[in-house]
Amino acid sequence: MPKKPNPVIQKAKEEGYNNGFKKGFELGQENACLVLAAKFGGLEKVPGIGPKLLEKVVNHFGSEYFEVIENEKP
């Protein structure tokens, strides 16, 4: 007959897993924003991309991807 898991240990294990998963997810989101911001960093300098198309791109992906570059500039 298998042993019953200790509820205190089980709860601590679940909390640790959930906290780690949450931090990993947040880190992944932040890294994704940085990668996308780096790729679109010079988009306004590309010939044929005007302010209207740039606004569509920003609206499609979300302004949070483009704020990273604005905040990193000295």
Protein backbone atom coordinates (compact mmCIF):
# COMPACT_ATOMS: atom_id res chain seq x y z
CA MET A 1 0.00 0.00 0.00
CA PRO A 2 1.52 3.36 -1.05
CA LYS A 3 2.16 6.04 1.55
CA LYS A 4 -0.04 9.11 1.65
CA PRO A 5 1.87 12.30 0.81
CA ASN A 6 2.39 14.71 3.66
CA PRO A 7 -0.10 17.58 3.05
CA VAL A 8 2.31 20.25 4.34
CA ILE A 9 5.09 19.08 2.05
CA GLN A 10 2.66 18.67 -0.86
CA LYS A 11 1.34 22.21 -0.37
CA ALA A 12 4.87 23.68 -0.18
CA LYS A 13 5.82 21.76 -3.34
CA GLU A 14 2.78 23.09 -5.22
CA GLU A 15 3.38 26.68 -4.06
CA GLY A 16 7.03 26.49 -5.09
CA TYR A 17 6.10 25.08 -8.48
CA ASN A 18 3.43 27.74 -9.07
CA ASN A 19 5.73 30.59 -7.99
CA GLY A 20 8.52 29.28 -10.22
CA PHE A 21 6.14 28.88 -13.15
CA LYS A 22 4.83 32.43 -12.67
CA LYS A 23 8.35 33.92 -12.53
CA GLY A 24 9.42 31.91 -15.58
CA PHE A 25 6.37 33.07 -17.51
CA GLU A 26 7.04 36.71 -16.63
CA LEU A 27 10.69 36.35 -17.62
CA GLY A 28 9.66 34.76 -20.92
CA GLN A 29 7.26 37.61 -21.64
CA GLU A 30 9.94 40.18 -20.89
CA ASN A 31 12.44 38.42 -23.16
CA ALA A 32 9.86 38.20 -25.95
CA CYS A 33 9.24 41.94 -25.65
CA LEU A 34 12.96 42.66 -25.84
CA VAL A 35 13.45 40.46 -28.91
CA LEU A 36 10.48 41.97 -30.73
CA ALA A 37 11.53 45.49 -29.78
CA ALA A 38 15.04 44.83 -31.10
CA LYS A 39 13.69 43.50 -34.39
CA PHE A 40 11.34 46.45 -34.87
CA GLY A 41 13.77 49.03 -33.50
CA GLY A 42 14.64 50.63 -36.83
CA LEU A 43 11.33 50.01 -38.57
CA GLU A 44 10.66 53.72 -39.08
CA LYS A 45 13.91 53.99 -41.09
CA VAL A 46 12.87 51.37 -43.68
CA PRO A 47 11.90 52.95 -47.02
CA GLY A 48 8.18 52.59 -47.70
CA ILE A 49 7.13 52.41 -44.07
CA GLY A 50 5.43 55.62 -43.13
CA PRO A 51 3.74 56.78 -39.97
CA LYS A 52 0.40 55.13 -40.86
CA LEU A 53 1.87 51.66 -41.42
CA LEU A 54 4.06 52.03 -38.34
CA GLU A 55 0.97 52.91 -36.30
CA LYS A 56 -0.79 49.79 -37.63
CA VAL A 57 2.17 47.63 -36.62
CA VAL A 58 2.26 49.17 -33.14
CA ASN A 59 -1.50 48.72 -32.74
CA HIS A 60 -1.31 45.11 -33.92
CA PHE A 61 1.48 43.99 -31.61
CA GLY A 62 0.75 46.37 -28.73
CA SER A 63 2.56 49.45 -27.58
CA GLU A 64 4.31 47.60 -24.72
CA TYR A 65 6.68 46.03 -27.26
CA PHE A 66 7.76 49.43 -28.47
CA GLU A 67 7.97 51.18 -25.09
CA VAL A 68 10.99 49.05 -24.15
CA ILE A 69 13.18 50.74 -26.76
CA GLU A 70 11.90 54.19 -25.83
CA ASN A 71 12.71 53.57 -22.16
CA GLU A 72 16.19 52.15 -22.90
CA LYS A 73 17.41 55.18 -24.86
CA PRO A 74 19.62 57.44 -22.72
